[in-house]
Structures are given as C-alpha cells and as structure tokens.
Amino acid sequence: MASASPAPLTTQAMLEKLVAFDTTSAKSNLALIDFVKDYLAGFGIPSQVIPYQDGAKANLLATIGDAANPGIIFSGHTDVVPAKSEEWQSDPFALTLRDDRLFGRGT
C-alpha cells in the first residue's frame, strides 16, 4: 500500500515555517534547505542539494513534471541581511499578523 502524500501547508503556515529559519548571510542555510527538500519529497518531487565549497550552505534544485519539456524556473535566495532590532516592531523570525498584513524576514 502506497503512503499518502502529506497535506500541503497553507500559504501562511509555509511562510511561518520559512520565516523562522535564521538564514542571516553569515549563517548556514542547511536547515532550511533540508526542510524544503523533505517537504517536496513528501509529494514525490525529486530534488538535489548542491553544496557550496565550504559545506556550510547549499542550493536546492527541484524538478516538477517532465524534464524533457521546457518549463518555468523559480529561482530565489535563502540568505537575509542581519536584522537590526530597533527597525522591527516584532521578532523578525516569527511571522506576525498586524493590520491585515504579515510581517517577518523575507515576507
């Protein structure tokens, strides 16, 4: 019996998880890369981790659909600049709903 795919996260739930990763540029992004890789794998989507030379960071390459057909590339980055606490009204690594808007690093 094949296992069922996990339920997809809502947009807000996914943002909440992604914002919580402190991928400030001087830190590793591997925990975030592993989370996304595992999430995609839960839906049968293959991906490949491409480590940087120092091994502290990586990129993730995932292919959805038939690789023989041209498609769309989504390219993003996972690092953020350091957050200065005096510039934030809330924790930058916790998604916060305020005035019908979501606040957090990368949102």
PDB file of N, CA and C in Angstrom:
ATOM      1  N   MET A   1       0.848  -1.176   0.000  1.00  0.00           N
ATOM      2  CA  MET A   1       0.000   0.000   0.000  1.00  0.00           C
ATOM      3  C   MET A   1       0.892   1.237   0.000  1.00  0.00           C
ATOM      4  N   ALA A   2       0.659   2.128  -0.925  1.00  0.00           N
ATOM      5  CA  ALA A   2       1.453   3.348  -1.038  1.00  0.00           C
ATOM      6  C   ALA A   2       1.039   4.342   0.044  1.00  0.00           C
ATOM      7  N   SER A   3       2.023   5.034   0.572  1.00  0.00           N
ATOM      8  CA  SER A   3       1.693   6.035   1.596  1.00  0.00           C
ATOM      9  C   SER A   3       1.142   7.290   0.933  1.00  0.00           C
ATOM     10  N   ALA A   4       0.227   7.919   1.604  1.00  0.00           N
ATOM     11  CA  ALA A   4      -0.397   9.131   1.075  1.00  0.00           C
ATOM     12  C   ALA A   4       0.547  10.314   1.228  1.00  0.00           C
ATOM     13  N   SER A   5       0.447  11.243   0.307  1.00  0.00           N
ATOM     14  CA  SER A   5       1.227  12.475   0.409  1.00  0.00           C
ATOM     15  C   SER A   5       0.726  13.285   1.586  1.00  0.00           C
ATOM     16  N   PRO A   6       1.611  14.039   2.218  1.00  0.00           N
ATOM     17  CA  PRO A   6       1.151  14.893   3.319  1.00  0.00           C
ATOM     18  C   PRO A   6       0.237  15.987   2.786  1.00  0.00           C
ATOM     19  N   ALA A   7      -0.577  16.536   3.652  1.00  0.00           N
ATOM     20  CA  ALA A   7      -1.428  17.661   3.248  1.00  0.00           C
ATOM     21  C   ALA A   7      -0.536  18.872   3.009  1.00  0.00           C
ATOM     22  N   PRO A   8      -0.759  19.591   1.917  1.00  0.00           N
ATOM     23  CA  PRO A   8       0.055  20.794   1.690  1.00  0.00           C
ATOM     24  C   PRO A   8      -0.219  21.832   2.774  1.00  0.00           C
ATOM     25  N   LEU A   9       0.802  22.574   3.115  1.00  0.00           N
ATOM     26  CA  LEU A   9       0.636  23.652   4.086  1.00  0.00           C
ATOM     27  C   LEU A   9      -0.081  24.824   3.437  1.00  0.00           C
ATOM     28  N   THR A  10      -0.846  25.547   4.208  1.00  0.00           N
ATOM     29  CA  THR A  10      -1.426  26.787   3.691  1.00  0.00           C
ATOM     30  C   THR A  10      -0.279  27.767   3.434  1.00  0.00           C
ATOM     31  N   THR A  11      -0.534  28.781   2.664  1.00  0.00           N
ATOM     32  CA  THR A  11       0.494  29.779   2.385  1.00  0.00           C
ATOM     33  C   THR A  11       1.010  30.395   3.676  1.00  0.00           C
ATOM     34  N   GLN A  12       0.102  30.748   4.568  1.00  0.00           N
ATOM     35  CA  GLN A  12       0.521  31.374   5.822  1.00  0.00           C
ATOM     36  C   GLN A  12       1.337  30.404   6.679  1.00  0.00           C
ATOM     37  N   ALA A  13       0.929  29.145   6.732  1.00  0.00           N
ATOM     38  CA  ALA A  13       1.673  28.159   7.516  1.00  0.00           C
ATOM     39  C   ALA A  13       3.067  27.939   6.942  1.00  0.00           C
ATOM     40  N   MET A  14       3.184  27.904   5.624  1.00  0.00           N
ATOM     41  CA  MET A  14       4.501  27.739   4.994  1.00  0.00           C
ATOM     42  C   MET A  14       5.369  28.964   5.267  1.00  0.00           C
ATOM     43  N   LEU A  15       4.810  30.158   5.127  1.00  0.00           N
ATOM     44  CA  LEU A  15       5.579  31.370   5.432  1.00  0.00           C
ATOM     45  C   LEU A  15       6.053  31.369   6.880  1.00  0.00           C
ATOM     46  N   GLU A  16       5.188  30.925   7.784  1.00  0.00           N
ATOM     47  CA  GLU A  16       5.544  30.857   9.199  1.00  0.00           C
ATOM     48  C   GLU A  16       6.771  29.966   9.411  1.00  0.00           C
ATOM     49  N   LYS A  17       6.793  28.824   8.741  1.00  0.00           N
ATOM     50  CA  LYS A  17       7.933  27.917   8.858  1.00  0.00           C
ATOM     51  C   LYS A  17       9.185  28.520   8.223  1.00  0.00           C
ATOM     52  N   LEU A  18       9.054  29.083   7.022  1.00  0.00           N
ATOM     53  CA  LEU A  18      10.223  29.606   6.313  1.00  0.00           C
ATOM     54  C   LEU A  18      10.841  30.809   7.019  1.00  0.00           C
ATOM     55  N   VAL A  19      10.003  31.709   7.511  1.00  0.00           N
ATOM     56  CA  VAL A  19      10.497  32.910   8.203  1.00  0.00           C
ATOM     57  C   VAL A  19      11.256  32.531   9.475  1.00  0.00           C
ATOM     58  N   ALA A  20      10.893  31.424  10.100  1.00  0.00           N
ATOM     59  CA  ALA A  20      11.513  31.021  11.367  1.00  0.00           C
ATOM     60  C   ALA A  20      12.968  30.571  11.219  1.00  0.00           C
ATOM     61  N   PHE A  21      13.384  30.224  10.014  1.00  0.00           N
ATOM     62  CA  PHE A  21      14.776  29.831   9.798  1.00  0.00           C
ATOM     63  C   PHE A  21      15.651  31.076   9.775  1.00  0.00           C
ATOM     64  N   ASP A  22      16.612  31.145  10.678  1.00  0.00           N
ATOM     65  CA  ASP A  22      17.542  32.283  10.698  1.00  0.00           C
ATOM     66  C   ASP A  22      18.655  32.001   9.695  1.00  0.00           C
ATOM     67  N   THR A  23      18.439  32.461   8.479  1.00  0.00           N
ATOM     68  CA  THR A  23      19.428  32.271   7.420  1.00  0.00           C
ATOM     69  C   THR A  23      20.160  33.577   7.138  1.00  0.00           C
ATOM     70  N   THR A  24      20.433  34.319   8.203  1.00  0.00           N
ATOM     71  CA  THR A  24      21.237  35.533   8.072  1.00  0.00           C
ATOM     72  C   THR A  24      22.498  35.163   7.301  1.00  0.00           C
ATOM     73  N   SER A  25      22.945  36.037   6.433  1.00  0.00           N
ATOM     74  CA  SER A  25      24.002  35.726   5.466  1.00  0.00           C
ATOM     75  C   SER A  25      25.262  35.112   6.061  1.00  0.00           C
ATOM     76  N   ALA A  26      25.602  35.398   7.296  1.00  0.00           N
ATOM     77  CA  ALA A  26      26.810  34.831   7.912  1.00  0.00           C
ATOM     78  C   ALA A  26      26.570  33.420   8.469  1.00  0.00           C
ATOM     79  N   LYS A  27      25.319  32.941   8.421  1.00  0.00           N
ATOM     80  CA  LYS A  27      24.978  31.632   8.998  1.00  0.00           C
ATOM     81  C   LYS A  27      24.669  30.627   7.900  1.00  0.00           C
ATOM     82  N   SER A  28      24.581  29.372   8.285  1.00  0.00           N
ATOM     83  CA  SER A  28      24.248  28.286   7.370  1.00  0.00           C
ATOM     84  C   SER A  28      22.769  28.344   6.988  1.00  0.00           C
ATOM     85  N   ASN A  29      22.463  27.864   5.793  1.00  0.00           N
ATOM     86  CA  ASN A  29      21.069  27.743   5.364  1.00  0.00           C
ATOM     87  C   ASN A  29      20.646  26.281   5.244  1.00  0.00           C
ATOM     88  N   LEU A  30      21.484  25.365   5.742  1.00  0.00           N
ATOM     89  CA  LEU A  30      21.240  23.941   5.518  1.00  0.00           C
ATOM     90  C   LEU A  30      19.945  23.437   6.160  1.00  0.00           C
ATOM     91  N   ALA A  31      19.564  23.953   7.310  1.00  0.00           N
ATOM     92  CA  ALA A  31      18.312  23.515   7.938  1.00  0.00           C
ATOM     93  C   ALA A  31      17.120  23.873   7.048  1.00  0.00           C
ATOM     94  N   LEU A  32      17.145  25.052   6.461  1.00  0.00           N
ATOM     95  CA  LEU A  32      16.075  25.462   5.544  1.00  0.00           C
ATOM     96  C   LEU A  32      16.071  24.592   4.292  1.00  0.00           C
ATOM     97  N   ILE A  33      17.239  24.362   3.722  1.00  0.00           N
ATOM     98  CA  ILE A  33      17.345  23.525   2.519  1.00  0.00           C
ATOM     99  C   ILE A  33      16.800  22.127   2.812  1.00  0.00           C
ATOM    100  N   ASP A  34      17.178  21.552   3.960  1.00  0.00           N
ATOM    101  CA  ASP A  34      16.692  20.217   4.331  1.00  0.00           C
ATOM    102  C   ASP A  34      15.178  20.199   4.507  1.00  0.00           C
ATOM    103  N   PHE A  35      14.619  21.253   5.124  1.00  0.00           N
ATOM    104  CA  PHE A  35      13.171  21.329   5.304  1.00  0.00           C
ATOM    105  C   PHE A  35      12.457  21.324   3.952  1.00  0.00           C
ATOM    106  N   VAL A  36      12.898  22.175   3.034  1.00  0.00           N
ATOM    107  CA  VAL A  36      12.240  22.267   1.723  1.00  0.00           C
ATOM    108  C   VAL A  36      12.410  20.964   0.952  1.00  0.00           C
ATOM    109  N   LYS A  37      13.592  20.380   0.990  1.00  0.00           N
ATOM    110  CA  LYS A  37      13.846  19.108   0.301  1.00  0.00           C
ATOM    111  C   LYS A  37      12.901  18.032   0.832  1.00  0.00           C
ATOM    112  N   ASP A  38      12.781  17.919   2.151  1.00  0.00           N
ATOM    113  CA  ASP A  38      11.897  16.919   2.759  1.00  0.00           C
ATOM    114  C   ASP A  38      10.430  17.197   2.440  1.00  0.00           C
ATOM    115  N   TYR A  39      10.040  18.467   2.439  1.00  0.00           N
ATOM    116  CA  TYR A  39       8.655  18.830   2.123  1.00  0.00           C
ATOM    117  C   TYR A  39       8.321  18.408   0.684  1.00  0.00           C
ATOM    118  N   LEU A  40       9.205  18.738  -0.238  1.00  0.00           N
ATOM    119  CA  LEU A  40       8.985  18.357  -1.636  1.00  0.00           C
ATOM    120  C   LEU A  40       8.965  16.842  -1.800  1.00  0.00           C
ATOM    121  N   ALA A  41       9.866  16.141  -1.114  1.00  0.00           N
ATOM    122  CA  ALA A  41       9.926  14.685  -1.207  1.00  0.00           C
ATOM    123  C   ALA A  41       8.618  14.046  -0.743  1.00  0.00           C
ATOM    124  N   GLY A  42       7.953  14.674   0.218  1.00  0.00           N
ATOM    125  CA  GLY A  42       6.673  14.170   0.686  1.00  0.00           C
ATOM    126  C   GLY A  42       5.604  14.144  -0.393  1.00  0.00           C
ATOM    127  N   PHE A  43       5.818  14.914  -1.448  1.00  0.00           N
ATOM    128  CA  PHE A  43       4.891  14.953  -2.583  1.00  0.00           C
ATOM    129  C   PHE A  43       5.476  14.260  -3.807  1.00  0.00           C
ATOM    130  N   GLY A  44       6.570  13.521  -3.590  1.00  0.00           N
ATOM    131  CA  GLY A  44       7.185  12.783  -4.691  1.00  0.00           C
ATOM    132  C   GLY A  44       7.994  13.660  -5.636  1.00  0.00           C
ATOM    133  N   ILE A  45       8.375  14.833  -5.196  1.00  0.00           N
ATOM    134  CA  ILE A  45       9.131  15.760  -6.050  1.00  0.00           C
ATOM    135  C   ILE A  45      10.622  15.586  -5.752  1.00  0.00           C
ATOM    136  N   PRO A  46      11.382  15.126  -6.738  1.00  0.00           N
ATOM    137  CA  PRO A  46      12.810  14.928  -6.511  1.00  0.00           C
ATOM    138  C   PRO A  46      13.551  16.257  -6.467  1.00  0.00           C
ATOM    139  N   SER A  47      14.610  16.287  -5.695  1.00  0.00           N
ATOM    140  CA  SER A  47      15.440  17.498  -5.647  1.00  0.00           C
ATOM    141  C   SER A  47      16.872  17.096  -5.368  1.00  0.00           C
ATOM    142  N   GLN A  48      17.756  18.023  -5.612  1.00  0.00           N
ATOM    143  CA  GLN A  48      19.180  17.771  -5.435  1.00  0.00           C
ATOM    144  C   GLN A  48      19.781  18.924  -4.642  1.00  0.00           C
ATOM    145  N   VAL A  49      20.507  18.598  -3.583  1.00  0.00           N
ATOM    146  CA  VAL A  49      21.218  19.598  -2.801  1.00  0.00           C
ATOM    147  C   VAL A  49      22.565  19.831  -3.471  1.00  0.00           C
ATOM    148  N   ILE A  50      22.858  21.091  -3.726  1.00  0.00           N
ATOM    149  CA  ILE A  50      24.134  21.470  -4.341  1.00  0.00           C
ATOM    150  C   ILE A  50      24.900  22.299  -3.314  1.00  0.00           C
ATOM    151  N   PRO A  51      25.868  21.654  -2.615  1.00  0.00           N
ATOM    152  CA  PRO A  51      26.571  22.356  -1.538  1.00  0.00           C
ATOM    153  C   PRO A  51      27.566  23.386  -2.061  1.00  0.00           C
ATOM    154  N   TYR A  52      27.748  24.451  -1.280  1.00  0.00           N
ATOM    155  CA  TYR A  52      28.819  25.402  -1.556  1.00  0.00           C
ATOM    156  C   TYR A  52      30.137  24.710  -1.237  1.00  0.00           C
ATOM    157  N   GLN A  53      31.230  25.273  -1.680  1.00  0.00           N
ATOM    158  CA  GLN A  53      32.538  24.667  -1.441  1.00  0.00           C
ATOM    159  C   GLN A  53      32.833  24.448   0.039  1.00  0.00           C
ATOM    160  N   ASP A  54      32.421  25.381   0.900  1.00  0.00           N
ATOM    161  CA  ASP A  54      32.738  25.248   2.328  1.00  0.00           C
ATOM    162  C   ASP A  54      31.791  24.287   3.062  1.00  0.00           C
ATOM    163  N   GLY A  55      30.727  23.852   2.415  1.00  0.00           N
ATOM    164  CA  GLY A  55      29.792  22.910   3.013  1.00  0.00           C
ATOM    165  C   GLY A  55      28.815  23.506   4.001  1.00  0.00           C
ATOM    166  N   ALA A  56      28.925  24.800   4.285  1.00  0.00           N
ATOM    167  CA  ALA A  56      28.052  25.443   5.277  1.00  0.00           C
ATOM    168  C   ALA A  56      26.733  25.912   4.682  1.00  0.00           C
ATOM    169  N   LYS A  57      26.678  26.033   3.380  1.00  0.00           N
ATOM    170  CA  LYS A  57      25.463  26.484   2.697  1.00  0.00           C
ATOM    171  C   LYS A  57      25.247  25.620   1.467  1.00  0.00           C
ATOM    172  N   ALA A  58      24.038  25.720   0.913  1.00  0.00           N
ATOM    173  CA  ALA A  58      23.725  24.935  -0.279  1.00  0.00           C
ATOM    174  C   ALA A  58      22.608  25.599  -1.065  1.00  0.00           C
ATOM    175  N   ASN A  59      22.469  25.170  -2.294  1.00  0.00           N
ATOM    176  CA  ASN A  59      21.328  25.499  -3.133  1.00  0.00           C
ATOM    177  C   ASN A  59      20.509  24.228  -3.276  1.00  0.00           C
ATOM    178  N   LEU A  60      19.260  24.379  -3.694  1.00  0.00           N
ATOM    179  CA  LEU A  60      18.389  23.228  -3.904  1.00  0.00           C
ATOM    180  C   LEU A  60      17.821  23.319  -5.309  1.00  0.00           C
ATOM    181  N   LEU A  61      17.952  22.243  -6.056  1.00  0.00           N
ATOM    182  CA  LEU A  61      17.413  22.168  -7.406  1.00  0.00           C
ATOM    183  C   LEU A  61      16.327  21.110  -7.407  1.00  0.00           C
ATOM    184  N   ALA A  62      15.116  21.508  -7.751  1.00  0.00           N
ATOM    185  CA  ALA A  62      13.988  20.583  -7.800  1.00  0.00           C
ATOM    186  C   ALA A  62      13.339  20.665  -9.172  1.00  0.00           C
ATOM    187  N   THR A  63      12.891  19.526  -9.662  1.00  0.00           N
ATOM    188  CA  THR A  63      12.233  19.467 -10.964  1.00  0.00           C
ATOM    189  C   THR A  63      10.845  18.878 -10.769  1.00  0.00           C
ATOM    190  N   ILE A  64       9.855  19.599 -11.255  1.00  0.00           N
ATOM    191  CA  ILE A  64       8.473  19.135 -11.186  1.00  0.00           C
ATOM    192  C   ILE A  64       7.997  18.924 -12.618  1.00  0.00           C
ATOM    193  N   GLY A  65       7.489  17.741 -12.890  1.00  0.00           N
ATOM    194  CA  GLY A  65       6.986  17.457 -14.228  1.00  0.00           C
ATOM    195  C   GLY A  65       8.037  16.803 -15.099  1.00  0.00           C
ATOM    196  N   ASP A  66       7.752  16.742 -16.380  1.00  0.00           N
ATOM    197  CA  ASP A  66       8.602  16.084 -17.363  1.00  0.00           C
ATOM    198  C   ASP A  66       9.810  16.962 -17.683  1.00  0.00           C
ATOM    199  N   ALA A  67      10.978  16.489 -17.342  1.00  0.00           N
ATOM    200  CA  ALA A  67      12.200  17.264 -17.568  1.00  0.00           C
ATOM    201  C   ALA A  67      12.486  17.482 -19.051  1.00  0.00           C
ATOM    202  N   ALA A  68      11.877  16.695 -19.930  1.00  0.00           N
ATOM    203  CA  ALA A  68      12.115  16.826 -21.369  1.00  0.00           C
ATOM    204  C   ALA A  68      11.359  18.013 -21.973  1.00  0.00           C
ATOM    205  N   ASN A  69      10.345  18.512 -21.262  1.00  0.00           N
ATOM    206  CA  ASN A  69       9.561  19.643 -21.776  1.00  0.00           C
ATOM    207  C   ASN A  69      10.026  20.937 -21.133  1.00  0.00           C
ATOM    208  N   PRO A  70      10.132  21.993 -21.934  1.00  0.00           N
ATOM    209  CA  PRO A  70      10.519  23.280 -21.343  1.00  0.00           C
ATOM    210  C   PRO A  70       9.512  23.677 -20.266  1.00  0.00           C
ATOM    211  N   GLY A  71      10.004  24.369 -19.255  1.00  0.00           N
ATOM    212  CA  GLY A  71       9.121  24.747 -18.163  1.00  0.00           C
ATOM    213  C   GLY A  71       9.478  26.105 -17.614  1.00  0.00           C
ATOM    214  N   ILE A  72       9.194  26.278 -16.361  1.00  0.00           N
ATOM    215  CA  ILE A  72       9.421  27.543 -15.675  1.00  0.00           C
ATOM    216  C   ILE A  72      10.469  27.315 -14.599  1.00  0.00           C
ATOM    217  N   ILE A  73      11.377  28.259 -14.465  1.00  0.00           N
ATOM    218  CA  ILE A  73      12.374  28.201 -13.409  1.00  0.00           C
ATOM    219  C   ILE A  73      12.004  29.222 -12.353  1.00  0.00           C
ATOM    220  N   PHE A  74      11.970  28.760 -11.113  1.00  0.00           N
ATOM    221  CA  PHE A  74      11.788  29.658  -9.978  1.00  0.00           C
ATOM    222  C   PHE A  74      13.115  29.690  -9.256  1.00  0.00           C
ATOM    223  N   SER A  75      13.695  30.847  -9.197  1.00  0.00           N
ATOM    224  CA  SER A  75      14.997  30.976  -8.556  1.00  0.00           C
ATOM    225  C   SER A  75      14.887  31.993  -7.433  1.00  0.00           C
ATOM    226  N   GLY A  76      15.311  31.606  -6.261  1.00  0.00           N
ATOM    227  CA  GLY A  76      15.258  32.503  -5.123  1.00  0.00           C
ATOM    228  C   GLY A  76      16.524  32.374  -4.310  1.00  0.00           C
ATOM    229  N   HIS A  77      16.635  33.156  -3.277  1.00  0.00           N
ATOM    230  CA  HIS A  77      17.789  33.036  -2.398  1.00  0.00           C
ATOM    231  C   HIS A  77      17.285  32.861  -0.972  1.00  0.00           C
ATOM    232  N   THR A  78      18.118  32.255  -0.159  1.00  0.00           N
ATOM    233  CA  THR A  78      17.697  31.939   1.204  1.00  0.00           C
ATOM    234  C   THR A  78      18.367  32.803   2.254  1.00  0.00           C
ATOM    235  N   ASP A  79      19.338  33.609   1.859  1.00  0.00           N
ATOM    236  CA  ASP A  79      20.024  34.401   2.871  1.00  0.00           C
ATOM    237  C   ASP A  79      19.389  35.778   3.018  1.00  0.00           C
ATOM    238  N   VAL A  80      19.474  36.294   4.225  1.00  0.00           N
ATOM    239  CA  VAL A  80      18.953  37.629   4.510  1.00  0.00           C
ATOM    240  C   VAL A  80      20.047  38.438   5.202  1.00  0.00           C
ATOM    241  N   VAL A  81      19.937  39.750   5.122  1.00  0.00           N
ATOM    242  CA  VAL A  81      20.894  40.603   5.823  1.00  0.00           C
ATOM    243  C   VAL A  81      20.530  40.620   7.305  1.00  0.00           C
ATOM    244  N   PRO A  82      21.485  40.918   8.171  1.00  0.00           N
ATOM    245  CA  PRO A  82      21.183  40.955   9.609  1.00  0.00           C
ATOM    246  C   PRO A  82      20.028  41.914   9.918  1.00  0.00           C
ATOM    247  N   ALA A  83      19.194  41.508  10.867  1.00  0.00           N
ATOM    248  CA  ALA A  83      18.049  42.324  11.277  1.00  0.00           C
ATOM    249  C   ALA A  83      18.449  43.192  12.462  1.00  0.00           C
ATOM    250  N   LYS A  84      18.257  44.477  12.344  1.00  0.00           N
ATOM    251  CA  LYS A  84      18.516  45.387  13.460  1.00  0.00           C
ATOM    252  C   LYS A  84      17.235  45.494  14.276  1.00  0.00           C
ATOM    253  N   SER A  85      17.302  45.093  15.537  1.00  0.00           N
ATOM    254  CA  SER A  85      16.097  45.003  16.366  1.00  0.00           C
ATOM    255  C   SER A  85      15.337  46.321  16.451  1.00  0.00           C
ATOM    256  N   GLU A  86      16.037  47.444  16.407  1.00  0.00           N
ATOM    257  CA  GLU A  86      15.342  48.731  16.510  1.00  0.00           C
ATOM    258  C   GLU A  86      14.499  49.047  15.266  1.00  0.00           C
ATOM    259  N   GLU A  87      14.717  48.304  14.182  1.00  0.00           N
ATOM    260  CA  GLU A  87      13.942  48.517  12.955  1.00  0.00           C
ATOM    261  C   GLU A  87      12.691  47.637  12.896  1.00  0.00           C
ATOM    262  N   TRP A  88      12.522  46.748  13.887  1.00  0.00           N
ATOM    263  CA  TRP A  88      11.404  45.807  13.884  1.00  0.00           C
ATOM    264  C   TRP A  88      10.482  46.056  15.066  1.00  0.00           C
ATOM    265  N   GLN A  89       9.176  45.961  14.821  1.00  0.00           N
ATOM    266  CA  GLN A  89       8.189  46.065  15.896  1.00  0.00           C
ATOM    267  C   GLN A  89       7.858  44.694  16.474  1.00  0.00           C
ATOM    268  N   SER A  90       8.385  43.639  15.844  1.00  0.00           N
ATOM    269  CA  SER A  90       8.145  42.266  16.291  1.00  0.00           C
ATOM    270  C   SER A  90       9.383  41.438  15.949  1.00  0.00           C
ATOM    271  N   ASP A  91       9.407  40.210  16.407  1.00  0.00           N
ATOM    272  CA  ASP A  91      10.526  39.305  16.119  1.00  0.00           C
ATOM    273  C   ASP A  91      10.598  39.075  14.610  1.00  0.00           C
ATOM    274  N   PRO A  92      11.716  39.419  13.959  1.00  0.00           N
ATOM    275  CA  PRO A  92      11.804  39.262  12.512  1.00  0.00           C
ATOM    276  C   PRO A  92      11.755  37.802  12.057  1.00  0.00           C
ATOM    277  N   PHE A  93      12.009  36.853  12.972  1.00  0.00           N
ATOM    278  CA  PHE A  93      11.995  35.447  12.611  1.00  0.00           C
ATOM    279  C   PHE A  93      10.746  34.729  13.104  1.00  0.00           C
ATOM    280  N   ALA A  94       9.707  35.493  13.377  1.00  0.00           N
ATOM    281  CA  ALA A  94       8.393  34.943  13.729  1.00  0.00           C
ATOM    282  C   ALA A  94       7.352  35.686  12.902  1.00  0.00           C
ATOM    283  N   LEU A  95       6.592  34.969  12.105  1.00  0.00           N
ATOM    284  CA  LEU A  95       5.571  35.598  11.282  1.00  0.00           C
ATOM    285  C   LEU A  95       4.533  36.251  12.187  1.00  0.00           C
ATOM    286  N   THR A  96       4.266  37.523  11.948  1.00  0.00           N
ATOM    287  CA  THR A  96       3.349  38.285  12.789  1.00  0.00           C
ATOM    288  C   THR A  96       2.279  38.931  11.924  1.00  0.00           C
ATOM    289  N   LEU A  97       1.026  38.738  12.286  1.00  0.00           N
ATOM    290  CA  LEU A  97      -0.101  39.367  11.598  1.00  0.00           C
ATOM    291  C   LEU A  97      -0.416  40.672  12.318  1.00  0.00           C
ATOM    292  N   ARG A  98      -0.357  41.759  11.578  1.00  0.00           N
ATOM    293  CA  ARG A  98      -0.649  43.075  12.141  1.00  0.00           C
ATOM    294  C   ARG A  98      -1.308  43.917  11.065  1.00  0.00           C
ATOM    295  N   ASP A  99      -2.457  44.491  11.372  1.00  0.00           N
ATOM    296  CA  ASP A  99      -3.189  45.349  10.428  1.00  0.00           C
ATOM    297  C   ASP A  99      -3.436  44.644   9.096  1.00  0.00           C
ATOM    298  N   ASP A 100      -3.855  43.378   9.177  1.00  0.00           N
ATOM    299  CA  ASP A 100      -4.152  42.559   7.987  1.00  0.00           C
ATOM    300  C   ASP A 100      -2.954  42.337   7.081  1.00  0.00           C
ATOM    301  N   ARG A 101      -1.737  42.472   7.636  1.00  0.00           N
ATOM    302  CA  ARG A 101      -0.508  42.228   6.862  1.00  0.00           C
ATOM    303  C   ARG A 101       0.380  41.284   7.664  1.00  0.00           C
ATOM    304  N   LEU A 102       1.168  40.492   6.925  1.00  0.00           N
ATOM    305  CA  LEU A 102       2.105  39.584   7.576  1.00  0.00           C
ATOM    306  C   LEU A 102       3.484  40.196   7.576  1.00  0.00           C
ATOM    307  N   PHE A 103       4.148  40.148   8.717  1.00  0.00           N
ATOM    308  CA  PHE A 103       5.486  40.721   8.869  1.00  0.00           C
ATOM    309  C   PHE A 103       6.449  39.609   9.287  1.00  0.00           C
ATOM    310  N   GLY A 104       7.644  39.645   8.760  1.00  0.00           N
ATOM    311  CA  GLY A 104       8.705  38.701   9.087  1.00  0.00           C
ATOM    312  C   GLY A 104       9.773  38.778   8.009  1.00  0.00           C
ATOM    313  N   ARG A 105      10.953  38.254   8.309  1.00  0.00           N
ATOM    314  CA  ARG A 105      12.051  38.307   7.346  1.00  0.00           C
ATOM    315  C   ARG A 105      11.632  37.638   6.039  1.00  0.00           C
ATOM    316  N   GLY A 106      11.835  38.321   4.947  1.00  0.00           N
ATOM    317  CA  GLY A 106      11.560  37.757   3.634  1.00  0.00           C
ATOM    318  C   GLY A 106      10.119  37.874   3.157  1.00  0.00           C
ATOM    319  N   THR A 107       9.226  38.386   4.001  1.00  0.00           N
ATOM    320  CA  THR A 107       7.829  38.467   3.567  1.00  0.00           C
ATOM    321  C   THR A 107       7.584  39.730   2.773  1.00  0.00           C
TER     322      THR A 107
END
